[in-house]
Every structure is written in C-alpha cells, then in structure tokens.
N, C-alpha and C. Protein backbone atom coordinates (compact mmCIF):
# COMPACT_ATOMS: atom_id res chain seq x y z
N MET A 1 0.77 -1.28 -0.07
CA MET A 1 -0.03 -0.19 0.06
C MET A 1 0.92 1.24 -0.02
N GLY A 2 2.08 1.24 0.70
CA GLY A 2 2.98 2.37 0.71
C GLY A 2 3.34 2.86 -0.76
N ALA A 3 3.76 1.69 -1.47
CA ALA A 3 4.40 2.12 -2.88
C ALA A 3 3.10 2.40 -3.70
N TYR A 4 1.78 2.03 -3.45
CA TYR A 4 0.64 2.36 -4.26
C TYR A 4 0.35 4.01 -3.83
N THR A 5 0.47 4.06 -2.68
CA THR A 5 0.10 5.68 -2.17
C THR A 5 1.19 6.59 -2.86
N GLU A 6 2.37 6.07 -2.72
CA GLU A 6 3.49 7.06 -3.32
C GLU A 6 3.51 7.21 -4.83
N GLU A 7 2.95 6.32 -5.59
CA GLU A 7 2.71 6.36 -7.01
C GLU A 7 1.67 7.20 -7.20
N ILE A 8 0.35 7.06 -6.54
CA ILE A 8 -0.75 7.98 -6.65
C ILE A 8 -0.33 9.49 -6.26
N ARG A 9 0.55 9.66 -5.41
CA ARG A 9 1.07 11.02 -5.19
C ARG A 9 1.61 11.49 -6.27
N LYS A 10 2.67 10.77 -6.84
CA LYS A 10 3.26 11.32 -8.06
C LYS A 10 2.44 11.70 -9.21
N LEU A 11 1.35 10.85 -9.40
CA LEU A 11 0.43 10.90 -10.45
C LEU A 11 -0.55 12.14 -10.20
N SER A 12 -0.80 12.36 -8.90
CA SER A 12 -1.57 13.40 -8.63
C SER A 12 -0.99 14.74 -8.80
N LEU A 13 0.45 14.72 -8.47
CA LEU A 13 1.15 16.02 -8.56
C LEU A 13 1.31 16.30 -10.24
N ARG A 14 1.39 15.43 -10.85
CA ARG A 14 1.42 15.39 -12.41
C ARG A 14 0.10 16.15 -12.97
N ILE A 15 -1.01 15.48 -12.50
CA ILE A 15 -2.34 15.96 -12.82
C ILE A 15 -2.50 17.51 -12.57
N LEU A 16 -2.22 17.81 -11.19
CA LEU A 16 -2.25 18.89 -10.76
C LEU A 16 -1.41 20.07 -11.64
N GLU A 17 -0.15 19.67 -11.98
CA GLU A 17 0.67 20.52 -12.51
C GLU A 17 0.05 20.78 -14.23
N LEU A 18 -0.50 19.75 -14.70
CA LEU A 18 -1.15 19.94 -15.92
C LEU A 18 -2.35 20.75 -15.93
N ILE A 19 -3.05 20.85 -14.73
CA ILE A 19 -4.38 21.70 -14.53
C ILE A 19 -3.64 23.12 -14.26
N SER A 20 -2.82 23.28 -13.68
CA SER A 20 -2.07 24.56 -13.34
C SER A 20 -1.78 25.23 -14.61
N GLU A 21 -1.10 24.24 -15.59
CA GLU A 21 -0.62 25.02 -16.80
C GLU A 21 -1.82 25.31 -17.76
N GLY A 22 -2.84 24.48 -17.65
CA GLY A 22 -4.21 24.77 -18.39
C GLY A 22 -4.77 25.93 -18.00
N LEU A 23 -4.70 26.33 -16.63
CA LEU A 23 -5.41 27.44 -16.28
C LEU A 23 -4.43 28.90 -16.16
N GLY A 24 -3.27 28.54 -16.77
CA GLY A 24 -2.36 29.44 -16.84
C GLY A 24 -1.55 30.05 -15.56
N LEU A 25 -1.63 29.12 -14.51
CA LEU A 25 -0.98 29.38 -13.28
C LEU A 25 0.30 29.08 -13.22
N GLU A 26 1.19 29.54 -12.24
CA GLU A 26 2.46 29.49 -12.27
C GLU A 26 2.88 27.92 -11.93
N LYS A 27 4.07 27.52 -12.37
CA LYS A 27 4.37 26.10 -12.19
C LYS A 27 4.54 25.81 -10.73
N GLY A 28 3.82 24.71 -10.29
CA GLY A 28 3.93 24.27 -8.98
C GLY A 28 2.90 24.99 -8.07
N TYR A 29 2.07 25.68 -8.65
CA TYR A 29 0.96 26.54 -7.91
C TYR A 29 0.17 25.49 -6.95
N LEU A 30 -0.50 24.59 -7.67
CA LEU A 30 -1.45 23.54 -7.12
C LEU A 30 -0.69 22.40 -6.20
N GLY A 31 0.43 22.13 -6.85
CA GLY A 31 1.34 20.98 -6.27
C GLY A 31 1.80 21.65 -4.83
N GLY A 32 1.99 22.93 -4.83
CA GLY A 32 2.65 23.45 -3.47
C GLY A 32 1.68 23.46 -2.34
N ILE A 33 0.26 23.41 -2.75
CA ILE A 33 -0.68 23.52 -1.48
C ILE A 33 -1.29 22.14 -1.16
N SER A 34 -0.91 21.06 -2.23
CA SER A 34 -1.56 19.84 -2.09
C SER A 34 -0.76 18.92 -1.07
N GLN A 35 -0.64 19.31 0.16
CA GLN A 35 0.12 18.75 1.23
C GLN A 35 -0.50 17.47 1.89
N VAL A 36 -1.87 17.21 1.80
CA VAL A 36 -2.39 16.29 2.39
C VAL A 36 -3.17 15.35 1.56
N GLN A 37 -2.85 13.94 1.81
CA GLN A 37 -3.45 12.89 0.88
C GLN A 37 -4.06 11.90 1.81
N PHE A 38 -5.31 11.43 1.71
CA PHE A 38 -5.70 10.34 2.32
C PHE A 38 -6.44 9.37 1.46
N MET A 39 -6.56 8.10 1.88
CA MET A 39 -6.98 7.11 1.07
C MET A 39 -8.16 6.43 1.77
N THR A 40 -9.25 6.13 0.87
CA THR A 40 -10.30 5.33 1.48
C THR A 40 -10.53 4.28 0.60
N ALA A 41 -10.99 3.13 1.21
CA ALA A 41 -11.42 1.98 0.21
C ALA A 41 -12.89 1.73 0.57
N GLY A 42 -13.49 1.45 -0.41
CA GLY A 42 -15.20 1.31 -0.38
C GLY A 42 -15.41 -0.16 -0.80
N ASN A 43 -16.37 -0.84 -0.09
CA ASN A 43 -16.81 -2.26 -0.36
C ASN A 43 -18.39 -2.22 -0.61
N TYR A 44 -18.81 -2.43 -1.74
CA TYR A 44 -20.22 -2.33 -1.93
C TYR A 44 -20.68 -3.68 -2.38
N PRO A 45 -21.36 -4.52 -1.54
CA PRO A 45 -21.85 -5.80 -1.79
C PRO A 45 -22.97 -5.74 -3.01
N ALA A 46 -22.80 -6.89 -3.74
CA ALA A 46 -24.06 -6.99 -4.62
C ALA A 46 -25.32 -6.96 -3.91
N CYS A 47 -26.20 -6.31 -4.67
CA CYS A 47 -27.60 -6.09 -4.06
C CYS A 47 -28.61 -6.47 -4.95
N PRO A 48 -29.38 -7.56 -4.74
CA PRO A 48 -30.41 -8.10 -5.96
C PRO A 48 -31.32 -7.00 -6.34
N ASP A 49 -31.67 -6.14 -5.43
CA ASP A 49 -32.53 -5.01 -5.71
C ASP A 49 -31.89 -3.79 -5.31
N PRO A 50 -31.19 -3.07 -6.23
CA PRO A 50 -30.53 -1.83 -5.94
C PRO A 50 -31.35 -0.69 -5.46
N THR A 51 -32.67 -0.85 -5.82
CA THR A 51 -33.63 0.34 -5.47
C THR A 51 -33.70 0.28 -3.90
N LEU A 52 -33.25 -0.73 -3.12
CA LEU A 52 -33.43 -0.70 -1.69
C LEU A 52 -32.31 -0.19 -0.85
N THR A 53 -31.23 0.21 -1.59
CA THR A 53 -30.06 0.84 -0.96
C THR A 53 -29.37 1.66 -1.86
N LEU A 54 -28.46 2.51 -1.43
CA LEU A 54 -27.74 3.19 -2.10
C LEU A 54 -26.22 2.99 -1.63
N GLY A 55 -25.24 2.85 -2.49
CA GLY A 55 -23.84 2.73 -1.96
C GLY A 55 -23.32 3.76 -1.28
N LEU A 56 -23.50 5.04 -1.92
CA LEU A 56 -22.91 6.20 -1.39
C LEU A 56 -23.85 7.28 -1.75
N LEU A 57 -24.43 8.30 -0.87
CA LEU A 57 -25.23 9.37 -1.16
C LEU A 57 -24.45 10.20 -2.08
N ASN A 58 -25.22 11.03 -2.83
CA ASN A 58 -24.65 12.08 -3.68
C ASN A 58 -23.98 13.26 -2.84
N HIS A 59 -22.85 13.65 -3.46
CA HIS A 59 -21.84 14.63 -2.77
C HIS A 59 -20.95 15.14 -3.66
N LEU A 60 -20.21 16.11 -3.35
CA LEU A 60 -19.12 16.70 -3.78
C LEU A 60 -17.77 16.39 -3.19
N ASP A 61 -16.70 16.20 -3.80
CA ASP A 61 -15.60 15.94 -2.98
C ASP A 61 -14.86 17.17 -2.72
N HIS A 62 -14.50 17.52 -1.60
CA HIS A 62 -14.01 18.74 -1.05
C HIS A 62 -12.45 18.76 -1.15
N SER A 63 -11.91 17.94 -1.84
CA SER A 63 -10.38 17.99 -2.22
C SER A 63 -10.05 18.89 -3.30
N LEU A 64 -8.87 18.89 -3.72
CA LEU A 64 -8.31 19.39 -4.77
C LEU A 64 -8.79 18.63 -5.99
N VAL A 65 -8.21 17.39 -5.99
CA VAL A 65 -8.58 16.41 -7.04
C VAL A 65 -8.79 14.98 -5.98
N THR A 66 -9.62 14.06 -6.62
CA THR A 66 -9.79 12.83 -6.13
C THR A 66 -9.33 11.92 -7.22
N ILE A 67 -8.60 10.87 -6.75
CA ILE A 67 -8.11 9.85 -7.99
C ILE A 67 -8.76 8.44 -7.57
N LEU A 68 -9.69 7.99 -8.31
CA LEU A 68 -10.56 6.93 -7.75
C LEU A 68 -10.10 5.69 -8.77
N PHE A 69 -9.86 4.66 -8.12
CA PHE A 69 -9.81 3.32 -8.69
C PHE A 69 -10.91 2.42 -8.57
N GLN A 70 -11.74 2.24 -9.58
CA GLN A 70 -13.04 1.67 -9.39
C GLN A 70 -13.36 0.21 -9.88
N GLY A 71 -12.19 -0.24 -10.13
CA GLY A 71 -12.25 -1.67 -10.45
C GLY A 71 -12.81 -2.04 -11.93
N ASN A 72 -13.55 -3.07 -12.02
CA ASN A 72 -14.05 -3.35 -13.06
C ASN A 72 -15.58 -3.41 -13.14
N VAL A 73 -16.08 -2.98 -11.93
CA VAL A 73 -17.74 -3.04 -11.62
C VAL A 73 -18.13 -1.70 -11.52
N GLU A 74 -19.30 -1.47 -12.50
CA GLU A 74 -19.73 -0.15 -12.47
C GLU A 74 -20.44 0.33 -11.34
N GLY A 75 -20.67 1.53 -10.96
CA GLY A 75 -21.59 1.96 -9.77
C GLY A 75 -21.57 3.58 -9.56
N LEU A 76 -20.36 4.02 -10.04
CA LEU A 76 -20.16 5.57 -10.06
C LEU A 76 -21.18 6.24 -10.98
N GLN A 77 -21.81 7.20 -10.46
CA GLN A 77 -22.56 7.82 -11.41
C GLN A 77 -22.60 9.42 -10.98
N VAL A 78 -22.58 10.23 -12.14
CA VAL A 78 -22.40 11.76 -12.07
C VAL A 78 -23.64 12.35 -12.61
N LEU A 79 -24.13 13.60 -11.75
CA LEU A 79 -25.26 14.38 -12.09
C LEU A 79 -25.00 15.27 -13.23
N LYS A 80 -25.75 15.13 -14.27
CA LYS A 80 -25.45 15.98 -15.49
C LYS A 80 -26.81 16.41 -15.96
N ASP A 81 -27.08 17.69 -15.97
CA ASP A 81 -28.37 18.16 -16.40
C ASP A 81 -29.72 17.57 -15.69
N GLY A 82 -29.44 17.26 -14.45
CA GLY A 82 -30.47 16.67 -13.57
C GLY A 82 -30.50 15.24 -13.78
N LYS A 83 -29.86 14.53 -14.55
CA LYS A 83 -29.98 13.10 -14.67
C LYS A 83 -28.70 12.38 -14.23
N TRP A 84 -28.72 11.33 -13.50
CA TRP A 84 -27.73 10.49 -13.02
C TRP A 84 -27.15 9.67 -14.36
N ILE A 85 -25.84 9.82 -14.63
CA ILE A 85 -25.31 9.04 -15.60
C ILE A 85 -24.22 8.30 -15.05
N GLY A 86 -24.13 6.92 -15.51
CA GLY A 86 -23.11 5.92 -15.08
C GLY A 86 -21.72 6.35 -15.76
N VAL A 87 -20.75 5.99 -14.90
CA VAL A 87 -19.37 6.21 -15.40
C VAL A 87 -18.80 4.81 -15.70
N GLU A 88 -18.40 4.68 -16.80
CA GLU A 88 -17.82 3.26 -17.32
C GLU A 88 -16.63 2.83 -16.44
N ALA A 89 -16.72 1.64 -16.08
CA ALA A 89 -15.74 1.23 -15.23
C ALA A 89 -14.51 0.53 -16.16
N ILE A 90 -13.54 1.28 -16.49
CA ILE A 90 -12.43 0.95 -17.59
C ILE A 90 -11.45 0.25 -16.85
N PRO A 91 -11.02 -1.06 -17.20
CA PRO A 91 -10.00 -1.96 -16.42
C PRO A 91 -8.75 -1.12 -16.41
N ASN A 92 -8.18 -1.09 -15.26
CA ASN A 92 -6.79 -0.54 -15.02
C ASN A 92 -6.79 1.03 -15.34
N ALA A 93 -7.79 1.69 -15.09
CA ALA A 93 -7.95 3.07 -15.35
C ALA A 93 -8.43 3.74 -14.02
N PHE A 94 -8.10 4.96 -13.84
CA PHE A 94 -8.56 5.93 -12.66
C PHE A 94 -9.53 6.93 -13.06
N VAL A 95 -10.45 7.26 -12.21
CA VAL A 95 -11.44 8.36 -12.51
C VAL A 95 -10.67 9.68 -11.73
N VAL A 96 -10.55 10.74 -12.35
CA VAL A 96 -10.14 11.97 -11.78
C VAL A 96 -11.24 12.96 -11.49
N ASN A 97 -11.67 13.09 -10.37
CA ASN A 97 -12.70 14.11 -9.90
C ASN A 97 -12.08 15.41 -9.55
N ILE A 98 -12.74 16.41 -10.13
CA ILE A 98 -12.24 17.95 -9.62
C ILE A 98 -12.99 18.02 -8.40
N GLY A 99 -12.24 18.62 -7.35
CA GLY A 99 -12.90 18.78 -5.86
C GLY A 99 -13.34 20.48 -5.78
N THR A 100 -13.91 20.53 -4.82
CA THR A 100 -14.47 21.96 -4.72
C THR A 100 -13.30 22.87 -4.46
N GLN A 101 -12.13 22.38 -3.84
CA GLN A 101 -11.14 23.34 -3.72
C GLN A 101 -10.57 23.91 -4.95
N LEU A 102 -10.54 23.06 -5.85
CA LEU A 102 -10.05 23.32 -7.32
C LEU A 102 -10.94 24.14 -8.04
N GLU A 103 -12.24 24.09 -7.74
CA GLU A 103 -13.45 24.92 -8.30
C GLU A 103 -13.15 26.34 -7.68
N ILE A 104 -12.92 26.51 -6.51
CA ILE A 104 -12.79 27.77 -5.80
C ILE A 104 -11.44 28.38 -6.49
N ILE A 105 -10.39 27.71 -6.39
CA ILE A 105 -8.94 28.28 -6.99
C ILE A 105 -9.19 28.66 -8.43
N SER A 106 -9.99 27.93 -9.15
CA SER A 106 -10.12 28.50 -10.59
C SER A 106 -11.30 29.42 -10.72
N ASN A 107 -11.75 29.94 -9.79
CA ASN A 107 -12.84 30.96 -9.58
C ASN A 107 -14.16 30.32 -10.52
N GLY A 108 -14.35 29.09 -10.35
CA GLY A 108 -15.47 28.57 -11.11
C GLY A 108 -15.16 28.14 -12.58
N ILE A 109 -14.13 28.28 -13.04
CA ILE A 109 -13.75 27.76 -14.41
C ILE A 109 -13.96 26.24 -14.40
N LEU A 110 -13.35 25.44 -13.51
CA LEU A 110 -13.48 24.00 -13.28
C LEU A 110 -14.51 23.77 -12.25
N LYS A 111 -15.40 22.84 -12.43
CA LYS A 111 -16.42 22.44 -11.71
C LYS A 111 -16.33 21.17 -10.91
N SER A 112 -16.83 21.07 -9.65
CA SER A 112 -16.77 19.78 -8.89
C SER A 112 -17.94 19.18 -9.37
N ALA A 113 -17.95 17.87 -9.67
CA ALA A 113 -19.09 17.16 -10.16
C ALA A 113 -19.79 16.40 -9.05
N ARG A 114 -21.14 16.62 -8.96
CA ARG A 114 -21.90 15.98 -7.84
C ARG A 114 -21.96 14.53 -8.39
N HIS A 115 -21.70 13.56 -7.53
CA HIS A 115 -21.60 12.06 -7.92
C HIS A 115 -22.22 11.42 -6.52
N ARG A 116 -22.47 10.04 -7.05
CA ARG A 116 -22.96 9.16 -6.05
C ARG A 116 -22.47 7.56 -6.35
N VAL A 117 -22.70 6.76 -5.47
CA VAL A 117 -22.40 5.40 -6.00
C VAL A 117 -23.62 4.53 -5.75
N VAL A 118 -24.15 3.70 -6.75
CA VAL A 118 -25.17 2.82 -6.64
C VAL A 118 -24.78 1.30 -6.60
N THR A 119 -25.39 0.61 -5.92
CA THR A 119 -25.02 -0.96 -5.96
C THR A 119 -25.30 -1.77 -7.16
N ASN A 120 -24.72 -2.70 -7.41
CA ASN A 120 -24.78 -3.63 -8.60
C ASN A 120 -25.61 -4.84 -8.16
N PRO A 121 -26.47 -5.17 -8.86
CA PRO A 121 -27.48 -6.49 -8.56
C PRO A 121 -26.47 -7.74 -8.66
N TYR A 122 -25.49 -7.94 -9.21
CA TYR A 122 -24.87 -8.98 -9.61
C TYR A 122 -23.37 -9.23 -8.97
N GLU A 123 -22.82 -8.09 -8.75
CA GLU A 123 -21.44 -8.15 -8.29
C GLU A 123 -20.98 -7.15 -7.36
N ALA A 124 -20.17 -7.59 -6.35
CA ALA A 124 -19.58 -6.69 -5.36
C ALA A 124 -18.68 -5.72 -6.09
N ARG A 125 -18.52 -4.52 -5.43
CA ARG A 125 -17.55 -3.62 -6.13
C ARG A 125 -16.64 -2.93 -5.02
N THR A 126 -15.35 -3.08 -5.32
CA THR A 126 -14.52 -2.47 -4.38
C THR A 126 -13.82 -1.35 -5.03
N THR A 127 -13.43 -0.14 -4.43
CA THR A 127 -13.02 1.03 -4.85
C THR A 127 -11.93 1.44 -3.81
N ILE A 128 -10.95 2.18 -4.55
CA ILE A 128 -9.87 2.79 -3.68
C ILE A 128 -9.88 4.42 -4.18
N ALA A 129 -10.11 5.33 -3.13
CA ALA A 129 -10.12 6.67 -3.37
C ALA A 129 -9.01 7.34 -2.75
N ASN A 130 -8.24 8.14 -3.56
CA ASN A 130 -7.28 9.04 -3.07
C ASN A 130 -7.57 10.43 -3.08
N PHE A 131 -7.69 11.34 -2.00
CA PHE A 131 -8.13 12.47 -1.94
C PHE A 131 -6.96 13.43 -1.71
N ILE A 132 -6.74 14.28 -2.74
CA ILE A 132 -5.64 15.25 -2.52
C ILE A 132 -6.06 16.53 -2.15
N ASN A 133 -5.60 16.97 -0.92
CA ASN A 133 -6.17 18.13 -0.26
C ASN A 133 -5.12 19.33 0.08
N PRO A 134 -5.58 20.54 0.28
CA PRO A 134 -4.69 21.37 0.82
C PRO A 134 -4.54 21.15 2.21
N PHE A 135 -3.35 21.70 2.95
CA PHE A 135 -3.05 21.55 4.36
C PHE A 135 -4.06 22.43 4.93
N PRO A 136 -4.56 22.02 6.26
CA PRO A 136 -5.70 22.61 6.93
C PRO A 136 -5.56 24.11 6.98
N ASP A 137 -4.48 24.73 7.33
CA ASP A 137 -4.44 26.16 7.42
C ASP A 137 -4.13 27.04 6.05
N CYS A 138 -4.14 26.13 5.00
CA CYS A 138 -4.00 26.84 3.71
C CYS A 138 -5.18 27.77 3.42
N ILE A 139 -4.99 28.86 2.97
CA ILE A 139 -6.13 29.84 2.68
C ILE A 139 -6.55 29.43 1.13
N ILE A 140 -7.69 29.08 0.85
CA ILE A 140 -8.18 28.69 -0.45
C ILE A 140 -9.09 30.06 -0.97
N GLU A 141 -8.60 30.37 -2.09
CA GLU A 141 -9.48 31.59 -2.83
C GLU A 141 -9.07 31.44 -4.16
N PRO A 142 -9.94 32.27 -5.05
CA PRO A 142 -9.64 32.26 -6.44
C PRO A 142 -8.31 32.87 -6.69
N SER A 143 -7.69 32.24 -7.52
CA SER A 143 -6.22 32.73 -8.03
C SER A 143 -6.31 34.09 -8.48
N ASN A 144 -5.31 34.94 -8.13
CA ASN A 144 -5.32 36.28 -8.59
C ASN A 144 -5.15 36.38 -10.07
N HIS A 145 -4.56 35.40 -10.53
CA HIS A 145 -4.46 35.18 -11.96
C HIS A 145 -5.70 35.21 -12.84
N LEU A 146 -6.60 34.49 -12.18
CA LEU A 146 -7.95 34.29 -12.82
C LEU A 146 -9.08 35.38 -12.51
N VAL A 147 -8.73 36.38 -11.67
CA VAL A 147 -9.66 37.33 -11.36
C VAL A 147 -9.27 38.73 -11.80
N ASN A 148 -10.31 39.49 -12.47
CA ASN A 148 -9.97 40.75 -12.72
C ASN A 148 -11.37 41.57 -12.85
N GLU A 149 -11.37 42.78 -13.25
CA GLU A 149 -12.59 43.54 -13.19
C GLU A 149 -13.66 42.93 -13.89
N TYR A 150 -13.51 42.17 -15.03
CA TYR A 150 -14.51 41.59 -15.66
C TYR A 150 -14.89 40.12 -15.24
N ASN A 151 -14.06 39.64 -14.34
CA ASN A 151 -14.34 38.34 -13.79
C ASN A 151 -13.92 38.46 -12.21
N PRO A 152 -14.99 39.09 -11.38
CA PRO A 152 -14.65 39.22 -10.04
C PRO A 152 -14.64 37.89 -9.27
N PRO A 153 -13.89 37.82 -8.05
CA PRO A 153 -14.02 36.61 -7.37
C PRO A 153 -15.36 36.19 -7.00
N ARG A 154 -15.62 34.93 -7.12
CA ARG A 154 -16.96 34.27 -6.89
C ARG A 154 -16.92 33.57 -5.55
N PHE A 155 -15.88 33.58 -5.00
CA PHE A 155 -15.56 32.86 -3.50
C PHE A 155 -14.86 33.60 -2.63
N GLN A 156 -15.36 33.64 -1.36
CA GLN A 156 -14.53 34.19 -0.28
C GLN A 156 -13.36 33.47 -0.02
N PRO A 157 -12.25 34.16 0.42
CA PRO A 157 -11.06 33.40 1.08
C PRO A 157 -11.35 32.65 2.30
N GLN A 158 -10.93 31.50 2.63
CA GLN A 158 -11.12 30.79 3.79
C GLN A 158 -10.04 29.83 3.74
N THR A 159 -9.59 29.36 5.22
CA THR A 159 -8.79 28.22 5.28
C THR A 159 -9.58 27.00 4.81
N PHE A 160 -8.69 25.99 4.47
CA PHE A 160 -9.44 24.75 4.22
C PHE A 160 -10.25 24.14 5.37
N LYS A 161 -9.48 24.25 6.47
CA LYS A 161 -10.30 23.55 7.82
C LYS A 161 -11.57 24.56 8.19
N ASP A 162 -11.46 25.72 7.88
CA ASP A 162 -12.75 26.45 8.21
C ASP A 162 -13.90 26.01 7.16
N PHE A 163 -13.43 25.79 5.95
CA PHE A 163 -14.37 25.37 4.71
C PHE A 163 -15.02 24.02 5.17
N VAL A 164 -14.19 23.04 5.54
CA VAL A 164 -14.54 21.81 5.97
C VAL A 164 -15.65 21.84 7.09
N ALA A 165 -15.19 22.89 8.18
CA ALA A 165 -16.24 22.94 9.29
C ALA A 165 -17.59 23.66 8.90
N ALA A 166 -17.33 24.63 7.91
CA ALA A 166 -18.57 25.42 7.45
C ALA A 166 -19.46 24.63 6.71
N THR A 167 -18.94 23.58 5.89
CA THR A 167 -19.93 22.73 5.14
C THR A 167 -20.17 21.39 5.58
N LYS A 168 -19.49 21.12 6.83
CA LYS A 168 -19.80 19.83 7.26
C LYS A 168 -19.42 18.71 6.34
N ALA A 169 -18.20 18.92 5.79
CA ALA A 169 -17.67 18.14 4.74
C ALA A 169 -17.66 16.59 5.09
N PHE A 170 -17.41 16.35 6.32
CA PHE A 170 -17.58 14.99 6.70
C PHE A 170 -18.63 14.53 7.55
N GLY A 171 -19.80 15.21 7.22
CA GLY A 171 -21.09 14.72 7.70
C GLY A 171 -21.11 15.02 9.22
N LYS A 172 -21.67 14.08 10.00
CA LYS A 172 -21.73 14.27 11.42
C LYS A 172 -20.54 13.98 12.10
N TYR A 173 -19.36 13.57 11.42
CA TYR A 173 -18.22 13.39 11.92
C TYR A 173 -17.22 14.62 11.67
N THR A 174 -17.62 15.74 11.10
CA THR A 174 -16.83 16.80 10.74
C THR A 174 -16.21 17.36 12.04
N ASP A 175 -16.90 17.70 12.96
CA ASP A 175 -16.23 18.36 14.20
C ASP A 175 -15.28 17.45 14.87
N ALA A 176 -15.42 16.12 15.00
CA ALA A 176 -14.50 15.13 15.63
C ALA A 176 -13.31 15.21 14.64
N THR A 177 -13.52 15.13 13.42
CA THR A 177 -12.41 15.10 12.31
C THR A 177 -11.44 16.32 12.50
N GLN A 178 -12.24 17.38 12.68
CA GLN A 178 -11.37 18.70 12.81
C GLN A 178 -10.55 18.69 14.01
N LYS A 179 -11.23 18.34 15.26
CA LYS A 179 -10.39 18.16 16.44
C LYS A 179 -9.19 17.38 16.32
N GLY A 180 -9.43 16.19 15.69
CA GLY A 180 -8.26 15.19 15.42
C GLY A 180 -7.35 15.76 14.78
N ALA A 181 -7.84 16.50 13.49
CA ALA A 181 -6.73 17.08 12.56
C ALA A 181 -5.94 18.09 13.12
N SER A 182 -6.58 18.85 13.94
CA SER A 182 -5.92 20.16 14.59
C SER A 182 -4.81 19.84 15.34
N SER A 183 -5.22 18.69 16.28
CA SER A 183 -4.24 18.42 17.33
C SER A 183 -3.09 17.58 16.67
N SER A 184 -3.28 16.83 15.58
CA SER A 184 -2.14 16.13 14.89
C SER A 184 -1.38 16.90 14.02
N ILE A 185 -1.88 18.01 13.60
CA ILE A 185 -1.16 18.79 12.68
C ILE A 185 -0.33 19.91 13.32
N ASN A 186 -0.93 20.50 14.40
CA ASN A 186 -0.26 21.58 15.09
C ASN A 186 0.81 21.09 15.87
C-alpha cells in the first residue's frame, strides 16, 4: 500500500501540474498547496434489488482532486443536467474528480461534479479513492491570475479547515475530524 500511495502522489502532482498549466497558473501552484493525501477503500456488496439501498449518497468531493480506482464493476454516477449518468468502469484506469477546492481556486472555471455510488445487482464492487487536499491552514481563494474587473472573485477566501467545518464536509463526523486533525497537525 505504501508503494501504491507513493505512486498515486506522483500521479496527482502531475495531474495538478497539467491543470495549473491549463489554467495559466505558475508552475507548482497547485502542487505546492496539495500537502495532505488520504485514502479510503469502499466495498459495495451485490444487492439483488439496488432500489433498496444506495452505495454512497450524492456529494461533492472537497479535495483539490480525487483519484479513484473503481475496478471493473460499474456503480459511480455523475449528475448531469438533472440526470444520473453511469461512469464506465474501464479496467486498470483511474477516474479523476475535480474537487471543490479546485473549483474555488479556478474561480468557477473548473466545476466539482456531484456524484454518487449505486449498488450492482450481480457483483460486489471495491474502490480505492485518494483525496488530494490542501493543508488545513491553507487559505483557499480564487487565484489572482484568474480574477479581474470583468471576472470578479466568486468565492470568499477561507482556510481549508474552516471550509470543512462550515460545509460539514465529513457529515456528522466533521467536528470530531477537525479536532483530531488540528491536534495532530499543530
């Protein structure tokens, strides 16, 4: 798992560098603030009647980017024009989600996609998600390079940890997570 995490980190930095370049930001801009990485694994057992349960409720990722390995079983869906659309599970491929932090930094040029997971009636599904986040005290705001008199800032500056607390990004566990994060980082 250590080697996998290290390689995902390299991949995420490369992706962030390409996004920075595409937005016209200075080299290393996004990589410099992406200091926290955490990984989760999800197991979604087969459910003969998927209408009875949802694998994961609809949400936005509050990361800069999320790199998801979804295996060979479909279940990820994104909301587009009010309809849920399935994301094909391509073998040996990753899904890269733009997180809300990147939406803020890009001043809304890039959008975080609302998504969910549904269960499969025939096969279990296992996923590994890597969330690339700013460090807790990092101030997240639209990049000065992307703001001008014709395109004013659409988001107010705030620290990542304040954003997490205000949006209850971890649901009912947000406050406990914030306390744990503060004590282990400070």
